[in-house]
Amino acid sequence: MKPGNAYLEAIKNIPLEIQKETAFTFAVSDKIHQLLIDQGLTQKELAKKMGKTEAEISVWLSGQHNFTLRTLAKISSVLGCDLIQIPQ
């Protein structure tokens, strides 16, 4: 099914920074999810390691959470893999 013109117009009007924020959020969520699969961990196990509830982890993995740098650093430490990399 081809998207309608109204949908395409609405998408064009979303500010670039919002588009990028959304893309970043989903990319981080996807990375966390893949790390859990790779390490054989459940959301419940990650929640326990993070001191969070399973519901919080579920929100993170939904792509709807605005991660702080502190949270990203803690997740990276717990999972043993940098979620973001900044060249030095």
PDB file of N, CA and C in Angstrom:
ATOM      1  N   MET A   1       0.846  -1.185   0.000  1.00  0.00           N
ATOM      2  CA  MET A   1       0.000   0.000   0.000  1.00  0.00           C
ATOM      3  C   MET A   1       0.887   1.242   0.000  1.00  0.00           C
ATOM      4  N   LYS A   2       0.593   2.154  -0.885  1.00  0.00           N
ATOM      5  CA  LYS A   2       1.389   3.363  -1.034  1.00  0.00           C
ATOM      6  C   LYS A   2       0.890   4.428  -0.047  1.00  0.00           C
ATOM      7  N   PRO A   3       1.836   5.094   0.677  1.00  0.00           N
ATOM      8  CA  PRO A   3       1.401   6.134   1.614  1.00  0.00           C
ATOM      9  C   PRO A   3       0.692   7.270   0.884  1.00  0.00           C
ATOM     10  N   GLY A   4      -0.312   7.840   1.550  1.00  0.00           N
ATOM     11  CA  GLY A   4      -1.050   8.947   0.965  1.00  0.00           C
ATOM     12  C   GLY A   4      -0.250  10.234   1.007  1.00  0.00           C
ATOM     13  N   ASN A   5      -0.679  11.198   0.221  1.00  0.00           N
ATOM     14  CA  ASN A   5       0.012  12.491   0.148  1.00  0.00           C
ATOM     15  C   ASN A   5       0.024  13.208   1.491  1.00  0.00           C
ATOM     16  N   ALA A   6      -1.056  13.115   2.250  1.00  0.00           N
ATOM     17  CA  ALA A   6      -1.111  13.790   3.550  1.00  0.00           C
ATOM     18  C   ALA A   6      -0.031  13.239   4.486  1.00  0.00           C
ATOM     19  N   TYR A   7       0.158  11.933   4.455  1.00  0.00           N
ATOM     20  CA  TYR A   7       1.185  11.301   5.294  1.00  0.00           C
ATOM     21  C   TYR A   7       2.567  11.785   4.880  1.00  0.00           C
ATOM     22  N   LEU A   8       2.840  11.762   3.582  1.00  0.00           N
ATOM     23  CA  LEU A   8       4.145  12.185   3.092  1.00  0.00           C
ATOM     24  C   LEU A   8       4.411  13.653   3.401  1.00  0.00           C
ATOM     25  N   GLU A   9       3.397  14.486   3.299  1.00  0.00           N
ATOM     26  CA  GLU A   9       3.549  15.905   3.642  1.00  0.00           C
ATOM     27  C   GLU A   9       3.838  16.084   5.131  1.00  0.00           C
ATOM     28  N   ALA A  10       3.145  15.315   5.966  1.00  0.00           N
ATOM     29  CA  ALA A  10       3.358  15.405   7.412  1.00  0.00           C
ATOM     30  C   ALA A  10       4.784  15.006   7.766  1.00  0.00           C
ATOM     31  N   ILE A  11       5.281  13.956   7.163  1.00  0.00           N
ATOM     32  CA  ILE A  11       6.642  13.493   7.425  1.00  0.00           C
ATOM     33  C   ILE A  11       7.663  14.556   7.013  1.00  0.00           C
ATOM     34  N   LYS A  12       7.432  15.197   5.896  1.00  0.00           N
ATOM     35  CA  LYS A  12       8.360  16.238   5.420  1.00  0.00           C
ATOM     36  C   LYS A  12       8.426  17.416   6.387  1.00  0.00           C
ATOM     37  N   ASN A  13       7.354  17.635   7.151  1.00  0.00           N
ATOM     38  CA  ASN A  13       7.300  18.783   8.043  1.00  0.00           C
ATOM     39  C   ASN A  13       7.867  18.516   9.428  1.00  0.00           C
ATOM     40  N   ILE A  14       8.319  17.307   9.678  1.00  0.00           N
ATOM     41  CA  ILE A  14       8.940  16.997  10.971  1.00  0.00           C
ATOM     42  C   ILE A  14      10.357  17.561  10.952  1.00  0.00           C
ATOM     43  N   PRO A  15      10.705  18.381  11.949  1.00  0.00           N
ATOM     44  CA  PRO A  15      12.044  18.975  11.970  1.00  0.00           C
ATOM     45  C   PRO A  15      13.137  17.900  11.952  1.00  0.00           C
ATOM     46  N   LEU A  16      14.237  18.214  11.301  1.00  0.00           N
ATOM     47  CA  LEU A  16      15.340  17.270  11.149  1.00  0.00           C
ATOM     48  C   LEU A  16      15.849  16.769  12.493  1.00  0.00           C
ATOM     49  N   GLU A  17      15.928  17.648  13.497  1.00  0.00           N
ATOM     50  CA  GLU A  17      16.444  17.203  14.793  1.00  0.00           C
ATOM     51  C   GLU A  17      15.521  16.171  15.449  1.00  0.00           C
ATOM     52  N   ILE A  18      14.228  16.271  15.210  1.00  0.00           N
ATOM     53  CA  ILE A  18      13.281  15.284  15.739  1.00  0.00           C
ATOM     54  C   ILE A  18      13.442  13.965  14.987  1.00  0.00           C
ATOM     55  N   GLN A  19      13.631  14.036  13.683  1.00  0.00           N
ATOM     56  CA  GLN A  19      13.876  12.826  12.899  1.00  0.00           C
ATOM     57  C   GLN A  19      15.132  12.120  13.395  1.00  0.00           C
ATOM     58  N   LYS A  20      16.199  12.884  13.650  1.00  0.00           N
ATOM     59  CA  LYS A  20      17.454  12.305  14.120  1.00  0.00           C
ATOM     60  C   LYS A  20      17.300  11.732  15.527  1.00  0.00           C
ATOM     61  N   GLU A  21      16.606  12.448  16.402  1.00  0.00           N
ATOM     62  CA  GLU A  21      16.377  11.955  17.767  1.00  0.00           C
ATOM     63  C   GLU A  21      15.651  10.616  17.730  1.00  0.00           C
ATOM     64  N   THR A  22      14.642  10.527  16.908  1.00  0.00           N
ATOM     65  CA  THR A  22      13.872   9.289  16.783  1.00  0.00           C
ATOM     66  C   THR A  22      14.755   8.154  16.250  1.00  0.00           C
ATOM     67  N   ALA A  23      15.540   8.453  15.246  1.00  0.00           N
ATOM     68  CA  ALA A  23      16.434   7.439  14.673  1.00  0.00           C
ATOM     69  C   ALA A  23      17.459   6.971  15.711  1.00  0.00           C
ATOM     70  N   PHE A  24      18.036   7.913  16.471  1.00  0.00           N
ATOM     71  CA  PHE A  24      19.017   7.560  17.506  1.00  0.00           C
ATOM     72  C   PHE A  24      18.380   6.684  18.583  1.00  0.00           C
ATOM     73  N   THR A  25      17.184   7.066  19.019  1.00  0.00           N
ATOM     74  CA  THR A  25      16.514   6.331  20.085  1.00  0.00           C
ATOM     75  C   THR A  25      16.234   4.892  19.662  1.00  0.00           C
ATOM     76  N   PHE A  26      15.727   4.711  18.457  1.00  0.00           N
ATOM     77  CA  PHE A  26      15.456   3.357  17.973  1.00  0.00           C
ATOM     78  C   PHE A  26      16.751   2.574  17.776  1.00  0.00           C
ATOM     79  N   ALA A  27      17.811   3.237  17.312  1.00  0.00           N
ATOM     80  CA  ALA A  27      19.085   2.550  17.109  1.00  0.00           C
ATOM     81  C   ALA A  27      19.644   2.047  18.441  1.00  0.00           C
ATOM     82  N   VAL A  28      19.555   2.868  19.490  1.00  0.00           N
ATOM     83  CA  VAL A  28      20.041   2.452  20.810  1.00  0.00           C
ATOM     84  C   VAL A  28      19.195   1.300  21.338  1.00  0.00           C
ATOM     85  N   SER A  29      17.885   1.409  21.209  1.00  0.00           N
ATOM     86  CA  SER A  29      16.990   0.334  21.661  1.00  0.00           C
ATOM     87  C   SER A  29      17.289  -0.972  20.932  1.00  0.00           C
ATOM     88  N   ASP A  30      17.489  -0.870  19.619  1.00  0.00           N
ATOM     89  CA  ASP A  30      17.815  -2.062  18.830  1.00  0.00           C
ATOM     90  C   ASP A  30      19.136  -2.670  19.277  1.00  0.00           C
ATOM     91  N   LYS A  31      20.128  -1.818  19.564  1.00  0.00           N
ATOM     92  CA  LYS A  31      21.440  -2.303  20.005  1.00  0.00           C
ATOM     93  C   LYS A  31      21.322  -3.024  21.349  1.00  0.00           C
ATOM     94  N   ILE A  32      20.581  -2.437  22.293  1.00  0.00           N
ATOM     95  CA  ILE A  32      20.395  -3.077  23.599  1.00  0.00           C
ATOM     96  C   ILE A  32      19.716  -4.433  23.417  1.00  0.00           C
ATOM     97  N   HIS A  33      18.678  -4.459  22.614  1.00  0.00           N
ATOM     98  CA  HIS A  33      17.945  -5.705  22.368  1.00  0.00           C
ATOM     99  C   HIS A  33      18.869  -6.763  21.781  1.00  0.00           C
ATOM    100  N   GLN A  34      19.688  -6.374  20.806  1.00  0.00           N
ATOM    101  CA  GLN A  34      20.602  -7.334  20.177  1.00  0.00           C
ATOM    102  C   GLN A  34      21.647  -7.828  21.173  1.00  0.00           C
ATOM    103  N   LEU A  35      22.146  -6.937  22.037  1.00  0.00           N
ATOM    104  CA  LEU A  35      23.111  -7.360  23.053  1.00  0.00           C
ATOM    105  C   LEU A  35      22.494  -8.360  24.023  1.00  0.00           C
ATOM    106  N   LEU A  36      21.240  -8.142  24.376  1.00  0.00           N
ATOM    107  CA  LEU A  36      20.560  -9.090  25.256  1.00  0.00           C
ATOM    108  C   LEU A  36      20.471 -10.463  24.584  1.00  0.00           C
ATOM    109  N   ILE A  37      20.114 -10.480  23.321  1.00  0.00           N
ATOM    110  CA  ILE A  37      20.033 -11.744  22.583  1.00  0.00           C
ATOM    111  C   ILE A  37      21.411 -12.402  22.534  1.00  0.00           C
ATOM    112  N   ASP A  38      22.423 -11.614  22.151  1.00  0.00           N
ATOM    113  CA  ASP A  38      23.774 -12.152  22.011  1.00  0.00           C
ATOM    114  C   ASP A  38      24.305 -12.729  23.324  1.00  0.00           C
ATOM    115  N   GLN A  39      23.927 -12.094  24.447  1.00  0.00           N
ATOM    116  CA  GLN A  39      24.426 -12.523  25.750  1.00  0.00           C
ATOM    117  C   GLN A  39      23.483 -13.495  26.454  1.00  0.00           C
ATOM    118  N   GLY A  40      22.369 -13.807  25.805  1.00  0.00           N
ATOM    119  CA  GLY A  40      21.410 -14.738  26.388  1.00  0.00           C
ATOM    120  C   GLY A  40      20.750 -14.207  27.647  1.00  0.00           C
ATOM    121  N   LEU A  41      20.565 -12.887  27.693  1.00  0.00           N
ATOM    122  CA  LEU A  41      19.943 -12.264  28.862  1.00  0.00           C
ATOM    123  C   LEU A  41      18.488 -11.902  28.572  1.00  0.00           C
ATOM    124  N   THR A  42      17.685 -11.911  29.619  1.00  0.00           N
ATOM    125  CA  THR A  42      16.294 -11.484  29.503  1.00  0.00           C
ATOM    126  C   THR A  42      16.179 -10.033  29.970  1.00  0.00           C
ATOM    127  N   GLN A  43      15.042  -9.430  29.666  1.00  0.00           N
ATOM    128  CA  GLN A  43      14.765  -8.085  30.169  1.00  0.00           C
ATOM    129  C   GLN A  43      14.786  -8.089  31.697  1.00  0.00           C
ATOM    130  N   LYS A  44      14.255  -9.140  32.261  1.00  0.00           N
ATOM    131  CA  LYS A  44      14.206  -9.255  33.722  1.00  0.00           C
ATOM    132  C   LYS A  44      15.619  -9.276  34.314  1.00  0.00           C
ATOM    133  N   GLU A  45      16.523 -10.018  33.674  1.00  0.00           N
ATOM    134  CA  GLU A  45      17.902 -10.092  34.164  1.00  0.00           C
ATOM    135  C   GLU A  45      18.608  -8.745  34.030  1.00  0.00           C
ATOM    136  N   LEU A  46      18.379  -8.047  32.911  1.00  0.00           N
ATOM    137  CA  LEU A  46      18.963  -6.720  32.742  1.00  0.00           C
ATOM    138  C   LEU A  46      18.417  -5.770  33.790  1.00  0.00           C
ATOM    139  N   ALA A  47      17.122  -5.839  34.029  1.00  0.00           N
ATOM    140  CA  ALA A  47      16.503  -4.977  35.042  1.00  0.00           C
ATOM    141  C   ALA A  47      17.157  -5.186  36.399  1.00  0.00           C
ATOM    142  N   LYS A  48      17.382  -6.426  36.763  1.00  0.00           N
ATOM    143  CA  LYS A  48      17.999  -6.729  38.055  1.00  0.00           C
ATOM    144  C   LYS A  48      19.411  -6.157  38.120  1.00  0.00           C
ATOM    145  N   LYS A  49      20.192  -6.337  37.058  1.00  0.00           N
ATOM    146  CA  LYS A  49      21.560  -5.823  37.017  1.00  0.00           C
ATOM    147  C   LYS A  49      21.600  -4.299  37.064  1.00  0.00           C
ATOM    148  N   MET A  50      20.572  -3.669  36.525  1.00  0.00           N
ATOM    149  CA  MET A  50      20.512  -2.205  36.457  1.00  0.00           C
ATOM    150  C   MET A  50      19.850  -1.583  37.674  1.00  0.00           C
ATOM    151  N   GLY A  51      19.207  -2.406  38.504  1.00  0.00           N
ATOM    152  CA  GLY A  51      18.446  -1.853  39.620  1.00  0.00           C
ATOM    153  C   GLY A  51      17.179  -1.149  39.148  1.00  0.00           C
ATOM    154  N   LYS A  52      16.605  -1.664  38.067  1.00  0.00           N
ATOM    155  CA  LYS A  52      15.392  -1.094  37.464  1.00  0.00           C
ATOM    156  C   LYS A  52      14.305  -2.152  37.463  1.00  0.00           C
ATOM    157  N   THR A  53      13.099  -1.744  37.096  1.00  0.00           N
ATOM    158  CA  THR A  53      12.015  -2.703  36.965  1.00  0.00           C
ATOM    159  C   THR A  53      12.016  -3.249  35.534  1.00  0.00           C
ATOM    160  N   GLU A  54      11.408  -4.408  35.386  1.00  0.00           N
ATOM    161  CA  GLU A  54      11.287  -4.990  34.057  1.00  0.00           C
ATOM    162  C   GLU A  54      10.456  -4.088  33.148  1.00  0.00           C
ATOM    163  N   ALA A  55       9.491  -3.384  33.729  1.00  0.00           N
ATOM    164  CA  ALA A  55       8.662  -2.464  32.943  1.00  0.00           C
ATOM    165  C   ALA A  55       9.504  -1.324  32.366  1.00  0.00           C
ATOM    166  N   GLU A  56      10.472  -0.815  33.142  1.00  0.00           N
ATOM    167  CA  GLU A  56      11.347   0.251  32.642  1.00  0.00           C
ATOM    168  C   GLU A  56      12.174  -0.243  31.455  1.00  0.00           C
ATOM    169  N   ILE A  57      12.701  -1.445  31.571  1.00  0.00           N
ATOM    170  CA  ILE A  57      13.494  -2.011  30.483  1.00  0.00           C
ATOM    171  C   ILE A  57      12.620  -2.193  29.244  1.00  0.00           C
ATOM    172  N   SER A  58      11.389  -2.597  29.440  1.00  0.00           N
ATOM    173  CA  SER A  58      10.456  -2.761  28.329  1.00  0.00           C
ATOM    174  C   SER A  58      10.244  -1.444  27.594  1.00  0.00           C
ATOM    175  N   VAL A  59      10.114  -0.350  28.344  1.00  0.00           N
ATOM    176  CA  VAL A  59       9.967   0.972  27.723  1.00  0.00           C
ATOM    177  C   VAL A  59      11.231   1.322  26.942  1.00  0.00           C
ATOM    178  N   TRP A  60      12.399   1.031  27.520  1.00  0.00           N
ATOM    179  CA  TRP A  60      13.659   1.299  26.808  1.00  0.00           C
ATOM    180  C   TRP A  60      13.692   0.585  25.472  1.00  0.00           C
ATOM    181  N   LEU A  61      13.269  -0.670  25.470  1.00  0.00           N
ATOM    182  CA  LEU A  61      13.343  -1.474  24.256  1.00  0.00           C
ATOM    183  C   LEU A  61      12.229  -1.156  23.258  1.00  0.00           C
ATOM    184  N   SER A  62      11.264  -0.366  23.674  1.00  0.00           N
ATOM    185  CA  SER A  62      10.176   0.012  22.768  1.00  0.00           C
ATOM    186  C   SER A  62      10.583   1.130  21.820  1.00  0.00           C
ATOM    187  N   GLY A  63      11.715   1.780  22.111  1.00  0.00           N
ATOM    188  CA  GLY A  63      12.156   2.899  21.280  1.00  0.00           C
ATOM    189  C   GLY A  63      11.519   4.210  21.661  1.00  0.00           C
ATOM    190  N   GLN A  64      10.871   4.255  22.826  1.00  0.00           N
ATOM    191  CA  GLN A  64      10.165   5.473  23.242  1.00  0.00           C
ATOM    192  C   GLN A  64      10.829   6.173  24.421  1.00  0.00           C
ATOM    193  N   HIS A  65      12.034   5.741  24.790  1.00  0.00           N
ATOM    194  CA  HIS A  65      12.706   6.308  25.956  1.00  0.00           C
ATOM    195  C   HIS A  65      13.784   7.287  25.518  1.00  0.00           C
ATOM    196  N   ASN A  66      13.850   8.427  26.188  1.00  0.00           N
ATOM    197  CA  ASN A  66      14.890   9.416  25.925  1.00  0.00           C
ATOM    198  C   ASN A  66      16.044   9.132  26.890  1.00  0.00           C
ATOM    199  N   PHE A  67      17.033   8.393  26.429  1.00  0.00           N
ATOM    200  CA  PHE A  67      18.144   7.976  27.272  1.00  0.00           C
ATOM    201  C   PHE A  67      19.023   9.151  27.680  1.00  0.00           C
ATOM    202  N   THR A  68      19.464   9.146  28.935  1.00  0.00           N
ATOM    203  CA  THR A  68      20.474  10.103  29.367  1.00  0.00           C
ATOM    204  C   THR A  68      21.844   9.476  29.127  1.00  0.00           C
ATOM    205  N   LEU A  69      22.857  10.288  29.102  1.00  0.00           N
ATOM    206  CA  LEU A  69      24.214   9.766  28.958  1.00  0.00           C
ATOM    207  C   LEU A  69      24.572   8.876  30.143  1.00  0.00           C
ATOM    208  N   ARG A  70      24.104   9.231  31.318  1.00  0.00           N
ATOM    209  CA  ARG A  70      24.357   8.420  32.509  1.00  0.00           C
ATOM    210  C   ARG A  70      23.767   7.015  32.344  1.00  0.00           C
ATOM    211  N   THR A  71      22.536   6.955  31.850  1.00  0.00           N
ATOM    212  CA  THR A  71      21.889   5.659  31.638  1.00  0.00           C
ATOM    213  C   THR A  71      22.630   4.854  30.573  1.00  0.00           C
ATOM    214  N   LEU A  72      23.020   5.512  29.481  1.00  0.00           N
ATOM    215  CA  LEU A  72      23.755   4.815  28.424  1.00  0.00           C
ATOM    216  C   LEU A  72      25.083   4.275  28.954  1.00  0.00           C
ATOM    217  N   ALA A  73      25.749   5.064  29.803  1.00  0.00           N
ATOM    218  CA  ALA A  73      27.019   4.614  30.381  1.00  0.00           C
ATOM    219  C   ALA A  73      26.806   3.406  31.286  1.00  0.00           C
ATOM    220  N   LYS A  74      25.737   3.421  32.083  1.00  0.00           N
ATOM    221  CA  LYS A  74      25.472   2.298  32.980  1.00  0.00           C
ATOM    222  C   LYS A  74      25.118   1.043  32.185  1.00  0.00           C
ATOM    223  N   ILE A  75      24.270   1.182  31.171  1.00  0.00           N
ATOM    224  CA  ILE A  75      23.908   0.035  30.341  1.00  0.00           C
ATOM    225  C   ILE A  75      25.170  -0.525  29.680  1.00  0.00           C
ATOM    226  N   SER A  76      26.012   0.358  29.159  1.00  0.00           N
ATOM    227  CA  SER A  76      27.256  -0.072  28.523  1.00  0.00           C
ATOM    228  C   SER A  76      28.126  -0.848  29.499  1.00  0.00           C
ATOM    229  N   SER A  77      28.210  -0.380  30.736  1.00  0.00           N
ATOM    230  CA  SER A  77      29.014  -1.062  31.752  1.00  0.00           C
ATOM    231  C   SER A  77      28.439  -2.430  32.087  1.00  0.00           C
ATOM    232  N   VAL A  78      27.130  -2.478  32.280  1.00  0.00           N
ATOM    233  CA  VAL A  78      26.469  -3.730  32.651  1.00  0.00           C
ATOM    234  C   VAL A  78      26.580  -4.766  31.532  1.00  0.00           C
ATOM    235  N   LEU A  79      26.435  -4.321  30.282  1.00  0.00           N
ATOM    236  CA  LEU A  79      26.463  -5.253  29.157  1.00  0.00           C
ATOM    237  C   LEU A  79      27.859  -5.450  28.584  1.00  0.00           C
ATOM    238  N   GLY A  80      28.815  -4.657  29.055  1.00  0.00           N
ATOM    239  CA  GLY A  80      30.198  -4.818  28.606  1.00  0.00           C
ATOM    240  C   GLY A  80      30.428  -4.429  27.157  1.00  0.00           C
ATOM    241  N   CYS A  81      29.656  -3.468  26.671  1.00  0.00           N
ATOM    242  CA  CYS A  81      29.785  -3.038  25.273  1.00  0.00           C
ATOM    243  C   CYS A  81      29.341  -1.586  25.176  1.00  0.00           C
ATOM    244  N   ASP A  82      30.162  -0.741  24.547  1.00  0.00           N
ATOM    245  CA  ASP A  82      29.793   0.663  24.369  1.00  0.00           C
ATOM    246  C   ASP A  82      28.599   0.782  23.420  1.00  0.00           C
ATOM    247  N   LEU A  83      27.561   1.460  23.896  1.00  0.00           N
ATOM    248  CA  LEU A  83      26.384   1.681  23.046  1.00  0.00           C
ATOM    249  C   LEU A  83      26.628   2.812  22.051  1.00  0.00           C
ATOM    250  N   ILE A  84      27.452   3.764  22.463  1.00  0.00           N
ATOM    251  CA  ILE A  84      27.850   4.842  21.548  1.00  0.00           C
ATOM    252  C   ILE A  84      29.358   4.938  21.612  1.00  0.00           C
ATOM    253  N   GLN A  85      29.944   5.343  20.509  1.00  0.00           N
ATOM    254  CA  GLN A  85      31.392   5.489  20.464  1.00  0.00           C
ATOM    255  C   GLN A  85      31.730   6.873  19.960  1.00  0.00           C
ATOM    256  N   ILE A  86      32.612   7.519  20.691  1.00  0.00           N
ATOM    257  CA  ILE A  86      33.064   8.849  20.304  1.00  0.00           C
ATOM    258  C   ILE A  86      34.563   8.746  20.008  1.00  0.00           C
ATOM    259  N   PRO A  87      34.966   9.037  18.779  1.00  0.00           N
ATOM    260  CA  PRO A  87      36.386   8.942  18.449  1.00  0.00           C
ATOM    261  C   PRO A  87      37.207   9.910  19.290  1.00  0.00           C
ATOM    262  N   GLN A  88      38.404   9.467  19.647  1.00  0.00           N
ATOM    263  CA  GLN A  88      39.276  10.331  20.456  1.00  0.00           C
ATOM    264  C   GLN A  88      40.422  10.848  19.642  1.00  0.00           C
TER     265      GLN A  88
END
